[in-house]
Amino acid sequence: MITVVVLSGRLGAVLPAAALSALRTAEAVYAGEGVAPESWSELGVDGPAPAVVQDGAVVITTDASAYPGAHVITTPEPLGAALLDAAAVMHRLRSPGGCPWDAEQDHDSLRQYLVEETFELLEAIEDGDRAAMREELGDVLLQVLFHSRVAAEDAEDPFDIDAVASELVAKLVGRHPHVFEGNDPAVHDATSQQHRWEELKQAEKKRESSVDGVALGQPAVALAAKLVQRTARAGFPVDLLPEGDDTGTTLFAVTALSKLAGEDPETELRQVSRRFAANVREAEAKARAEGLDSLGAEDWRRFSPS
């Protein structure tokens, strides 16, 4: 029987461990489709694959379809291998001869797209739309790749996608000592891990305040909830939260009580808002079905879902 070893297009001339035994005992080793001549020596290739390959031979190729019935050994790719393709495409788009629009962008011009793509992903998650989630996650990933590529061109303080990924890895490992360094007595469930994460983060960043690092530019409800969450962990008493009858303070109080009760007020409000929008559309559709182009107060009451 012929043995076919299929190389990974991403990994190049990297042989899978499962192929080593077959290569050692092969009658001959041939190079098939997609195997560059300059890699023949390191792969132990005797020559190009003939039209008819004898039994006991091994063909190294990137396409096994020409050898039906052969014993096929594939080259496994590491998790995340396709990210290499994404980074390469972003590099091509941004490089000379690439896309003129991509070449003109900078961190400031890309901000709006980062916000838009994030909210589109959030909507897909709320809708439970798996296909949309996959697409929108890709769009958010594009923003990470794009900003990293722009950053790599900075003359004063350059960094690239590898630096971004390396810093993320260091952060994840450093904040999960119970996983990567053995047992951590401070972590025994998800809640204690969340507290431990914040403790490690505050020590790591040498923060002086429990609210340092809270993104003040986020939506107001999410901002209030995050501030309350942070201060509650620091032991801030509930009776010292803002008090008053004005709209802002009232909204803050409702948000605070919701967060302290273990709810996510941003998500709760978004769900109510989306139901409201759906009800408005339904009422307008019913009105149009009866020939109405505009609705008065009584029409809204008649057509709105109960």
C-alpha atoms as a PDB file:
ATOM      1  CA  MET A   1       0.000   0.000   0.000  1.00  0.00           C
ATOM      2  CA  ILE A   2       1.090   3.560  -0.681  1.00  0.00           C
ATOM      3  CA  THR A   3       1.371   5.922   2.266  1.00  0.00           C
ATOM      4  CA  VAL A   4       0.559   9.583   1.657  1.00  0.00           C
ATOM      5  CA  VAL A   5       1.799  12.200   4.124  1.00  0.00           C
ATOM      6  CA  VAL A   6      -0.175  15.411   3.784  1.00  0.00           C
ATOM      7  CA  LEU A   7       1.751  18.514   4.828  1.00  0.00           C
ATOM      8  CA  SER A   8       0.037  21.566   6.285  1.00  0.00           C
ATOM      9  CA  GLY A   9      -0.054  24.556   3.977  1.00  0.00           C
ATOM     10  CA  ARG A  10       0.480  26.779   7.018  1.00  0.00           C
ATOM     11  CA  LEU A  11       3.305  24.832   8.657  1.00  0.00           C
ATOM     12  CA  GLY A  12       5.337  24.139   5.527  1.00  0.00           C
ATOM     13  CA  ALA A  13       7.915  21.328   5.596  1.00  0.00           C
ATOM     14  CA  VAL A  14       6.911  20.022   9.025  1.00  0.00           C
ATOM     15  CA  LEU A  15       6.382  16.264   9.160  1.00  0.00           C
ATOM     16  CA  PRO A  16       3.839  14.791  11.560  1.00  0.00           C
ATOM     17  CA  ALA A  17       5.262  12.431  14.179  1.00  0.00           C
ATOM     18  CA  ALA A  18       2.880   9.713  12.962  1.00  0.00           C
ATOM     19  CA  ALA A  19       4.714   9.648   9.616  1.00  0.00           C
ATOM     20  CA  LEU A  20       8.205   8.914  10.969  1.00  0.00           C
ATOM     21  CA  SER A  21       7.772   5.144  11.148  1.00  0.00           C
ATOM     22  CA  ALA A  22       6.464   4.943   7.576  1.00  0.00           C
ATOM     23  CA  LEU A  23       9.318   7.123   6.306  1.00  0.00           C
ATOM     24  CA  ARG A  24      11.955   4.962   7.993  1.00  0.00           C
ATOM     25  CA  THR A  25      10.699   1.766   6.340  1.00  0.00           C
ATOM     26  CA  ALA A  26       9.636   3.242   2.973  1.00  0.00           C
ATOM     27  CA  GLU A  27      10.805   1.696  -0.294  1.00  0.00           C
ATOM     28  CA  ALA A  28      11.108   5.257  -1.621  1.00  0.00           C
ATOM     29  CA  VAL A  29      10.017   8.750  -0.598  1.00  0.00           C
ATOM     30  CA  TYR A  30       8.552  10.968  -3.307  1.00  0.00           C
ATOM     31  CA  ALA A  31       7.500  14.604  -3.441  1.00  0.00           C
ATOM     32  CA  GLY A  32       3.987  15.243  -4.687  1.00  0.00           C
ATOM     33  CA  GLU A  33       1.881  18.326  -5.258  1.00  0.00           C
ATOM     34  CA  GLY A  34       2.807  21.434  -3.255  1.00  0.00           C
ATOM     35  CA  VAL A  35       6.191  20.261  -1.946  1.00  0.00           C
ATOM     36  CA  ALA A  36       8.904  22.748  -2.990  1.00  0.00           C
ATOM     37  CA  PRO A  37      12.179  21.230  -4.309  1.00  0.00           C
ATOM     38  CA  GLU A  38      14.210  23.250  -1.796  1.00  0.00           C
ATOM     39  CA  SER A  39      12.580  21.276   1.038  1.00  0.00           C
ATOM     40  CA  TRP A  40      13.224  17.822  -0.483  1.00  0.00           C
ATOM     41  CA  SER A  41      16.514  17.322   1.300  1.00  0.00           C
ATOM     42  CA  GLU A  42      15.209  18.029   4.802  1.00  0.00           C
ATOM     43  CA  LEU A  43      12.180  15.824   4.145  1.00  0.00           C
ATOM     44  CA  GLY A  44      14.306  12.945   2.861  1.00  0.00           C
ATOM     45  CA  VAL A  45      12.718  12.981  -0.604  1.00  0.00           C
ATOM     46  CA  ASP A  46      14.273  10.770  -3.291  1.00  0.00           C
ATOM     47  CA  GLY A  47      12.625  12.574  -6.197  1.00  0.00           C
ATOM     48  CA  PRO A  48       9.314  13.656  -7.742  1.00  0.00           C
ATOM     49  CA  ALA A  49       6.392  11.275  -7.529  1.00  0.00           C
ATOM     50  CA  PRO A  50       6.081   9.118 -10.677  1.00  0.00           C
ATOM     51  CA  ALA A  51       2.816   8.594 -12.502  1.00  0.00           C
ATOM     52  CA  VAL A  52       2.542   5.169 -10.891  1.00  0.00           C
ATOM     53  CA  VAL A  53       3.792   4.890  -7.319  1.00  0.00           C
ATOM     54  CA  GLN A  54       4.818   1.422  -6.155  1.00  0.00           C
ATOM     55  CA  ASP A  55       3.519  -0.214  -3.007  1.00  0.00           C
ATOM     56  CA  GLY A  56       5.636   0.492   0.063  1.00  0.00           C
ATOM     57  CA  ALA A  57       6.513   4.003  -1.083  1.00  0.00           C
ATOM     58  CA  VAL A  58       5.653   7.238   0.690  1.00  0.00           C
ATOM     59  CA  VAL A  59       4.433  10.341  -1.104  1.00  0.00           C
ATOM     60  CA  ILE A  60       4.732  13.661   0.707  1.00  0.00           C
ATOM     61  CA  THR A  61       2.219  16.134  -0.664  1.00  0.00           C
ATOM     62  CA  THR A  62      -0.276  18.851   0.192  1.00  0.00           C
ATOM     63  CA  ASP A  63      -3.097  17.124  -1.710  1.00  0.00           C
ATOM     64  CA  ALA A  64      -3.946  13.458  -1.165  1.00  0.00           C
ATOM     65  CA  SER A  65      -6.746  13.348  -3.752  1.00  0.00           C
ATOM     66  CA  ALA A  66      -4.414  11.964  -6.465  1.00  0.00           C
ATOM     67  CA  TYR A  67      -3.853   8.785  -4.415  1.00  0.00           C
ATOM     68  CA  PRO A  68      -7.233   7.163  -3.737  1.00  0.00           C
ATOM     69  CA  GLY A  69      -7.051   4.122  -1.511  1.00  0.00           C
ATOM     70  CA  ALA A  70      -3.697   5.140   0.000  1.00  0.00           C
ATOM     71  CA  HIS A  71      -3.012   5.223   3.720  1.00  0.00           C
ATOM     72  CA  VAL A  72      -3.185   8.922   4.536  1.00  0.00           C
ATOM     73  CA  ILE A  73      -1.350  10.595   7.404  1.00  0.00           C
ATOM     74  CA  THR A  74      -2.265  14.230   7.963  1.00  0.00           C
ATOM     75  CA  THR A  75      -0.275  16.922   9.727  1.00  0.00           C
ATOM     76  CA  PRO A  76      -2.205  18.222  12.728  1.00  0.00           C
ATOM     77  CA  GLU A  77      -2.194  21.978  13.135  1.00  0.00           C
ATOM     78  CA  PRO A  78      -2.050  23.656  16.541  1.00  0.00           C
ATOM     79  CA  LEU A  79      -5.124  25.363  17.908  1.00  0.00           C
ATOM     80  CA  GLY A  80      -5.241  28.873  16.462  1.00  0.00           C
ATOM     81  CA  ALA A  81      -3.239  28.074  13.337  1.00  0.00           C
ATOM     82  CA  ALA A  82      -5.731  29.970  11.181  1.00  0.00           C
ATOM     83  CA  LEU A  83      -4.822  33.133  13.113  1.00  0.00           C
ATOM     84  CA  LEU A  84      -1.552  33.086  11.164  1.00  0.00           C
ATOM     85  CA  ASP A  85      -3.572  33.442   7.968  1.00  0.00           C
ATOM     86  CA  ALA A  86      -5.554  36.332   9.436  1.00  0.00           C
ATOM     87  CA  ALA A  87      -2.376  38.154  10.473  1.00  0.00           C
ATOM     88  CA  ALA A  88      -0.835  37.552   7.038  1.00  0.00           C
ATOM     89  CA  VAL A  89      -3.903  38.927   5.242  1.00  0.00           C
ATOM     90  CA  MET A  90      -3.904  42.030   7.450  1.00  0.00           C
ATOM     91  CA  HIS A  91      -0.201  42.534   6.712  1.00  0.00           C
ATOM     92  CA  ARG A  92      -0.868  42.261   2.981  1.00  0.00           C
ATOM     93  CA  LEU A  93      -3.748  44.743   3.077  1.00  0.00           C
ATOM     94  CA  ARG A  94      -1.688  47.294   4.969  1.00  0.00           C
ATOM     95  CA  SER A  95       1.536  46.860   2.956  1.00  0.00           C
ATOM     96  CA  PRO A  96       2.492  48.697  -0.267  1.00  0.00           C
ATOM     97  CA  GLY A  97       0.360  47.389  -3.111  1.00  0.00           C
ATOM     98  CA  GLY A  98      -2.414  46.472  -0.690  1.00  0.00           C
ATOM     99  CA  CYS A  99      -5.694  48.275  -0.025  1.00  0.00           C
ATOM    100  CA  PRO A 100      -5.559  52.124  -0.273  1.00  0.00           C
ATOM    101  CA  TRP A 101      -8.325  52.527   2.317  1.00  0.00           C
ATOM    102  CA  ASP A 102      -6.628  50.223   4.815  1.00  0.00           C
ATOM    103  CA  ALA A 103      -3.341  52.058   4.306  1.00  0.00           C
ATOM    104  CA  GLU A 104      -4.922  55.395   5.276  1.00  0.00           C
ATOM    105  CA  GLN A 105      -6.384  54.286   8.596  1.00  0.00           C
ATOM    106  CA  ASP A 106      -4.960  55.041  12.036  1.00  0.00           C
ATOM    107  CA  HIS A 107      -5.997  54.307  15.609  1.00  0.00           C
ATOM    108  CA  ASP A 108      -8.355  57.304  15.749  1.00  0.00           C
ATOM    109  CA  SER A 109     -10.112  56.580  12.453  1.00  0.00           C
ATOM    110  CA  LEU A 110     -10.672  52.946  13.473  1.00  0.00           C
ATOM    111  CA  ARG A 111     -12.298  53.723  16.825  1.00  0.00           C
ATOM    112  CA  GLN A 112     -15.825  53.931  15.448  1.00  0.00           C
ATOM    113  CA  TYR A 113     -15.525  50.503  13.849  1.00  0.00           C
ATOM    114  CA  LEU A 114     -14.296  48.920  17.069  1.00  0.00           C
ATOM    115  CA  VAL A 115     -17.377  50.233  18.885  1.00  0.00           C
ATOM    116  CA  GLU A 116     -19.756  49.253  16.073  1.00  0.00           C
ATOM    117  CA  GLU A 117     -18.381  45.727  15.720  1.00  0.00           C
ATOM    118  CA  THR A 118     -18.487  45.186  19.474  1.00  0.00           C
ATOM    119  CA  PHE A 119     -22.157  46.136  19.650  1.00  0.00           C
ATOM    120  CA  GLU A 120     -22.963  43.997  16.606  1.00  0.00           C
ATOM    121  CA  LEU A 121     -21.347  41.051  18.365  1.00  0.00           C
ATOM    122  CA  LEU A 122     -23.341  41.804  21.500  1.00  0.00           C
ATOM    123  CA  GLU A 123     -26.537  41.826  19.464  1.00  0.00           C
ATOM    124  CA  ALA A 124     -25.676  38.478  17.865  1.00  0.00           C
ATOM    125  CA  ILE A 125     -25.066  36.992  21.325  1.00  0.00           C
ATOM    126  CA  GLU A 126     -28.382  38.334  22.599  1.00  0.00           C
ATOM    127  CA  ASP A 127     -30.156  36.900  19.543  1.00  0.00           C
ATOM    128  CA  GLY A 128     -28.481  33.524  19.972  1.00  0.00           C
ATOM    129  CA  ASP A 129     -27.499  33.696  16.286  1.00  0.00           C
ATOM    130  CA  ARG A 130     -24.509  31.366  15.987  1.00  0.00           C
ATOM    131  CA  ALA A 131     -23.692  32.268  12.375  1.00  0.00           C
ATOM    132  CA  ALA A 132     -23.794  35.976  13.179  1.00  0.00           C
ATOM    133  CA  MET A 133     -21.669  35.406  16.298  1.00  0.00           C
ATOM    134  CA  ARG A 134     -19.001  33.697  14.231  1.00  0.00           C
ATOM    135  CA  GLU A 135     -18.976  36.546  11.716  1.00  0.00           C
ATOM    136  CA  GLU A 136     -18.990  39.324  14.316  1.00  0.00           C
ATOM    137  CA  LEU A 137     -16.242  37.674  16.367  1.00  0.00           C
ATOM    138  CA  GLY A 138     -14.196  37.757  13.177  1.00  0.00           C
ATOM    139  CA  ASP A 139     -14.941  41.455  12.754  1.00  0.00           C
ATOM    140  CA  VAL A 140     -13.817  42.157  16.322  1.00  0.00           C
ATOM    141  CA  LEU A 141     -10.679  40.096  15.684  1.00  0.00           C
ATOM    142  CA  LEU A 142     -10.073  42.216  12.587  1.00  0.00           C
ATOM    143  CA  GLN A 143     -10.018  45.308  14.776  1.00  0.00           C
ATOM    144  CA  VAL A 144      -7.372  43.731  17.038  1.00  0.00           C
ATOM    145  CA  LEU A 145      -5.277  42.762  14.012  1.00  0.00           C
ATOM    146  CA  PHE A 146      -5.754  46.177  12.389  1.00  0.00           C
ATOM    147  CA  HIS A 147      -4.780  48.200  15.465  1.00  0.00           C
ATOM    148  CA  SER A 148      -1.795  45.912  16.068  1.00  0.00           C
ATOM    149  CA  ARG A 149      -0.625  46.359  12.466  1.00  0.00           C
ATOM    150  CA  VAL A 150      -0.966  50.145  12.735  1.00  0.00           C
ATOM    151  CA  ALA A 151       0.947  50.064  16.031  1.00  0.00           C
ATOM    152  CA  ALA A 152       3.787  48.131  14.401  1.00  0.00           C
ATOM    153  CA  GLU A 153       4.418  51.120  12.136  1.00  0.00           C
ATOM    154  CA  ASP A 154       4.817  53.609  14.986  1.00  0.00           C
ATOM    155  CA  ALA A 155       8.312  55.080  14.827  1.00  0.00           C
ATOM    156  CA  GLU A 156       8.553  55.902  18.548  1.00  0.00           C
ATOM    157  CA  ASP A 157       6.864  52.981  20.298  1.00  0.00           C
ATOM    158  CA  PRO A 158       6.127  50.109  17.892  1.00  0.00           C
ATOM    159  CA  PHE A 159       4.514  46.822  18.884  1.00  0.00           C
ATOM    160  CA  ASP A 160       2.918  44.104  16.788  1.00  0.00           C
ATOM    161  CA  ILE A 161       0.299  41.361  17.101  1.00  0.00           C
ATOM    162  CA  ASP A 162       2.864  38.987  18.630  1.00  0.00           C
ATOM    163  CA  ALA A 163       3.585  41.492  21.392  1.00  0.00           C
ATOM    164  CA  VAL A 164      -0.157  41.849  22.012  1.00  0.00           C
ATOM    165  CA  ALA A 165      -0.614  38.080  22.173  1.00  0.00           C
ATOM    166  CA  SER A 166       2.451  37.597  24.394  1.00  0.00           C
ATOM    167  CA  GLU A 167       1.221  40.189  26.873  1.00  0.00           C
ATOM    168  CA  LEU A 168      -2.187  38.521  26.951  1.00  0.00           C
ATOM    169  CA  VAL A 169      -0.622  35.123  27.622  1.00  0.00           C
ATOM    170  CA  ALA A 170       1.486  36.554  30.454  1.00  0.00           C
ATOM    171  CA  LYS A 171      -1.603  38.178  31.956  1.00  0.00           C
ATOM    172  CA  LEU A 172      -3.728  35.029  31.781  1.00  0.00           C
ATOM    173  CA  VAL A 173      -0.992  32.857  33.278  1.00  0.00           C
ATOM    174  CA  GLY A 174      -0.139  35.386  35.976  1.00  0.00           C
ATOM    175  CA  ARG A 175      -3.756  35.809  37.057  1.00  0.00           C
ATOM    176  CA  HIS A 176      -4.481  32.082  37.166  1.00  0.00           C
ATOM    177  CA  PRO A 177      -1.792  30.777  39.510  1.00  0.00           C
ATOM    178  CA  HIS A 178      -4.187  28.038  40.657  1.00  0.00           C
ATOM    179  CA  VAL A 179      -4.099  26.664  37.100  1.00  0.00           C
ATOM    180  CA  PHE A 180      -0.505  27.230  36.000  1.00  0.00           C
ATOM    181  CA  GLU A 181       1.417  27.176  39.288  1.00  0.00           C
ATOM    182  CA  GLY A 182      -0.447  24.602  41.308  1.00  0.00           C
ATOM    183  CA  ASN A 183      -3.080  25.027  43.997  1.00  0.00           C
ATOM    184  CA  ASP A 184      -4.067  28.511  45.198  1.00  0.00           C
ATOM    185  CA  PRO A 185      -5.921  28.338  48.545  1.00  0.00           C
ATOM    186  CA  ALA A 186      -7.606  31.665  47.772  1.00  0.00           C
ATOM    187  CA  VAL A 187      -9.462  30.122  44.820  1.00  0.00           C
ATOM    188  CA  HIS A 188     -12.105  27.460  45.371  1.00  0.00           C
ATOM    189  CA  ASP A 189     -14.965  28.500  43.060  1.00  0.00           C
ATOM    190  CA  ALA A 190     -15.847  31.010  40.322  1.00  0.00           C
ATOM    191  CA  THR A 191     -16.674  33.799  42.780  1.00  0.00           C
ATOM    192  CA  SER A 192     -13.405  33.511  44.692  1.00  0.00           C
ATOM    193  CA  GLN A 193     -11.521  33.404  41.382  1.00  0.00           C
ATOM    194  CA  GLN A 194     -13.149  36.674  40.350  1.00  0.00           C
ATOM    195  CA  HIS A 195     -12.055  38.293  43.609  1.00  0.00           C
ATOM    196  CA  ARG A 196      -8.566  36.827  43.242  1.00  0.00           C
ATOM    197  CA  TRP A 197      -8.337  38.175  39.674  1.00  0.00           C
ATOM    198  CA  GLU A 198      -9.077  41.691  40.904  1.00  0.00           C
ATOM    199  CA  GLU A 199      -6.573  41.372  43.749  1.00  0.00           C
ATOM    200  CA  LEU A 200      -3.814  40.214  41.416  1.00  0.00           C
ATOM    201  CA  LYS A 201      -4.680  42.895  38.879  1.00  0.00           C
ATOM    202  CA  GLN A 202      -4.581  45.667  41.477  1.00  0.00           C
ATOM    203  CA  ALA A 203      -1.205  44.460  42.783  1.00  0.00           C
ATOM    204  CA  GLU A 204       0.159  43.997  39.277  1.00  0.00           C
ATOM    205  CA  LYS A 205      -0.847  47.464  38.103  1.00  0.00           C
ATOM    206  CA  LYS A 206       0.022  49.100  41.441  1.00  0.00           C
ATOM    207  CA  ARG A 207      -3.341  50.819  41.568  1.00  0.00           C
ATOM    208  CA  GLU A 208      -3.999  53.217  44.407  1.00  0.00           C
ATOM    209  CA  SER A 209      -7.790  53.238  44.122  1.00  0.00           C
ATOM    210  CA  SER A 210     -10.406  50.531  43.779  1.00  0.00           C
ATOM    211  CA  VAL A 211     -11.845  52.439  40.805  1.00  0.00           C
ATOM    212  CA  ASP A 212      -8.557  52.900  38.965  1.00  0.00           C
ATOM    213  CA  GLY A 213      -8.721  51.310  35.531  1.00  0.00           C
ATOM    214  CA  VAL A 214     -12.498  51.585  35.145  1.00  0.00           C
ATOM    215  CA  ALA A 215     -13.166  52.778  31.587  1.00  0.00           C
ATOM    216  CA  LEU A 216     -15.059  56.034  32.072  1.00  0.00           C
ATOM    217  CA  GLY A 217     -16.041  56.149  28.398  1.00  0.00           C
ATOM    218  CA  GLN A 218     -18.324  53.122  28.534  1.00  0.00           C
ATOM    219  CA  PRO A 219     -22.148  53.435  28.471  1.00  0.00           C
ATOM    220  CA  ALA A 220     -23.478  55.124  31.593  1.00  0.00           C
ATOM    221  CA  VAL A 221     -25.374  52.160  33.030  1.00  0.00           C
ATOM    222  CA  ALA A 222     -22.400  49.840  32.520  1.00  0.00           C
ATOM    223  CA  LEU A 223     -20.099  52.475  34.034  1.00  0.00           C
ATOM    224  CA  ALA A 224     -22.249  52.903  37.149  1.00  0.00           C
ATOM    225  CA  ALA A 225     -22.519  49.127  37.561  1.00  0.00           C
ATOM    226  CA  LYS A 226     -18.749  48.676  37.265  1.00  0.00           C
ATOM    227  CA  LEU A 227     -18.025  51.408  39.784  1.00  0.00           C
ATOM    228  CA  VAL A 228     -20.477  49.880  42.263  1.00  0.00           C
ATOM    229  CA  GLN A 229     -18.992  46.424  41.725  1.00  0.00           C
ATOM    230  CA  ARG A 230     -15.454  47.659  42.321  1.00  0.00           C
ATOM    231  CA  THR A 231     -16.305  49.695  45.416  1.00  0.00           C
ATOM    232  CA  ALA A 232     -18.421  46.895  46.898  1.00  0.00           C
ATOM    233  CA  ARG A 233     -15.414  44.572  46.692  1.00  0.00           C
ATOM    234  CA  ALA A 234     -13.401  47.209  48.513  1.00  0.00           C
ATOM    235  CA  GLY A 235     -15.962  47.242  51.351  1.00  0.00           C
ATOM    236  CA  PHE A 236     -17.618  50.538  50.419  1.00  0.00           C
ATOM    237  CA  PRO A 237     -20.843  50.799  52.486  1.00  0.00           C
ATOM    238  CA  VAL A 238     -24.137  50.998  50.599  1.00  0.00           C
ATOM    239  CA  ASP A 239     -25.343  53.967  52.643  1.00  0.00           C
ATOM    240  CA  LEU A 240     -22.587  56.121  51.166  1.00  0.00           C
ATOM    241  CA  LEU A 241     -23.771  55.663  47.582  1.00  0.00           C
ATOM    242  CA  PRO A 242     -25.078  58.857  45.910  1.00  0.00           C
ATOM    243  CA  GLU A 243     -28.479  60.047  47.156  1.00  0.00           C
ATOM    244  CA  GLY A 244     -30.887  62.505  45.614  1.00  0.00           C
ATOM    245  CA  ASP A 245     -34.084  62.954  43.617  1.00  0.00           C
ATOM    246  CA  ASP A 246     -32.547  64.095  40.332  1.00  0.00           C
ATOM    247  CA  THR A 247     -32.687  61.801  37.322  1.00  0.00           C
ATOM    248  CA  GLY A 248     -28.985  60.906  37.264  1.00  0.00           C
ATOM    249  CA  THR A 249     -28.835  59.965  40.938  1.00  0.00           C
ATOM    250  CA  THR A 250     -32.053  57.957  40.682  1.00  0.00           C
ATOM    251  CA  LEU A 251     -30.688  56.025  37.702  1.00  0.00           C
ATOM    252  CA  PHE A 252     -27.426  55.429  39.564  1.00  0.00           C
ATOM    253  CA  ALA A 253     -29.325  54.117  42.602  1.00  0.00           C
ATOM    254  CA  VAL A 254     -31.403  51.692  40.510  1.00  0.00           C
ATOM    255  CA  THR A 255     -28.248  50.507  38.740  1.00  0.00           C
ATOM    256  CA  ALA A 256     -26.412  50.083  42.042  1.00  0.00           C
ATOM    257  CA  LEU A 257     -29.192  48.052  43.649  1.00  0.00           C
ATOM    258  CA  SER A 258     -29.424  45.846  40.561  1.00  0.00           C
ATOM    259  CA  LYS A 259     -25.675  45.183  40.503  1.00  0.00           C
ATOM    260  CA  LEU A 260     -25.500  44.516  44.227  1.00  0.00           C
ATOM    261  CA  ALA A 261     -28.346  42.013  43.785  1.00  0.00           C
ATOM    262  CA  GLY A 262     -26.189  40.060  41.348  1.00  0.00           C
ATOM    263  CA  GLU A 263     -27.884  41.283  38.174  1.00  0.00           C
ATOM    264  CA  ASP A 264     -26.377  42.952  35.104  1.00  0.00           C
ATOM    265  CA  PRO A 265     -28.320  46.234  34.741  1.00  0.00           C
ATOM    266  CA  GLU A 266     -26.830  46.989  31.309  1.00  0.00           C
ATOM    267  CA  THR A 267     -28.085  43.668  29.958  1.00  0.00           C
ATOM    268  CA  GLU A 268     -31.433  44.030  31.725  1.00  0.00           C
ATOM    269  CA  LEU A 269     -32.003  47.487  30.255  1.00  0.00           C
ATOM    270  CA  ARG A 270     -30.920  46.353  26.794  1.00  0.00           C
ATOM    271  CA  GLN A 271     -33.403  43.486  26.890  1.00  0.00           C
ATOM    272  CA  VAL A 272     -36.249  45.793  27.866  1.00  0.00           C
ATOM    273  CA  SER A 273     -35.211  48.274  25.172  1.00  0.00           C
ATOM    274  CA  ARG A 274     -35.127  45.553  22.519  1.00  0.00           C
ATOM    275  CA  ARG A 275     -38.558  44.265  23.547  1.00  0.00           C
ATOM    276  CA  PHE A 276     -39.864  47.828  23.355  1.00  0.00           C
ATOM    277  CA  ALA A 277     -38.439  48.279  19.843  1.00  0.00           C
ATOM    278  CA  ALA A 278     -39.974  44.954  18.751  1.00  0.00           C
ATOM    279  CA  ASN A 279     -43.373  45.972  20.159  1.00  0.00           C
ATOM    280  CA  VAL A 280     -43.229  49.311  18.332  1.00  0.00           C
ATOM    281  CA  ARG A 281     -42.477  47.559  15.042  1.00  0.00           C
ATOM    282  CA  GLU A 282     -45.324  45.103  15.625  1.00  0.00           C
ATOM    283  CA  ALA A 283     -47.817  47.906  16.317  1.00  0.00           C
ATOM    284  CA  GLU A 284     -46.686  49.829  13.228  1.00  0.00           C
ATOM    285  CA  ALA A 285     -46.996  46.703  11.071  1.00  0.00           C
ATOM    286  CA  LYS A 286     -50.563  46.111  12.305  1.00  0.00           C
ATOM    287  CA  ALA A 287     -51.451  49.718  11.585  1.00  0.00           C
ATOM    288  CA  ARG A 288     -50.053  49.518   8.049  1.00  0.00           C
ATOM    289  CA  ALA A 289     -52.073  46.340   7.467  1.00  0.00           C
ATOM    290  CA  GLU A 290     -55.204  48.404   8.172  1.00  0.00           C
ATOM    291  CA  GLY A 291     -54.072  51.192   5.864  1.00  0.00           C
ATOM    292  CA  LEU A 292     -52.856  53.647   8.518  1.00  0.00           C
ATOM    293  CA  ASP A 293     -49.710  55.664   7.747  1.00  0.00           C
ATOM    294  CA  SER A 294     -49.612  57.506  11.079  1.00  0.00           C
ATOM    295  CA  LEU A 295     -50.796  56.605  14.549  1.00  0.00           C
ATOM    296  CA  GLY A 296     -52.439  58.681  17.227  1.00  0.00           C
ATOM    297  CA  ALA A 297     -52.320  57.866  20.922  1.00  0.00           C
ATOM    298  CA  GLU A 298     -55.421  55.641  20.762  1.00  0.00           C
ATOM    299  CA  ASP A 299     -54.061  53.843  17.692  1.00  0.00           C
ATOM    300  CA  TRP A 300     -50.851  53.049  19.572  1.00  0.00           C
ATOM    301  CA  ARG A 301     -52.893  51.670  22.462  1.00  0.00           C
ATOM    302  CA  ARG A 302     -55.009  49.572  20.111  1.00  0.00           C
ATOM    303  CA  PHE A 303     -52.160  48.062  18.118  1.00  0.00           C
ATOM    304  CA  SER A 304     -49.483  47.702  20.796  1.00  0.00           C
ATOM    305  CA  PRO A 305     -49.033  44.198  22.229  1.00  0.00           C
ATOM    306  CA  SER A 306     -50.668  43.839  25.603  1.00  0.00           C
END
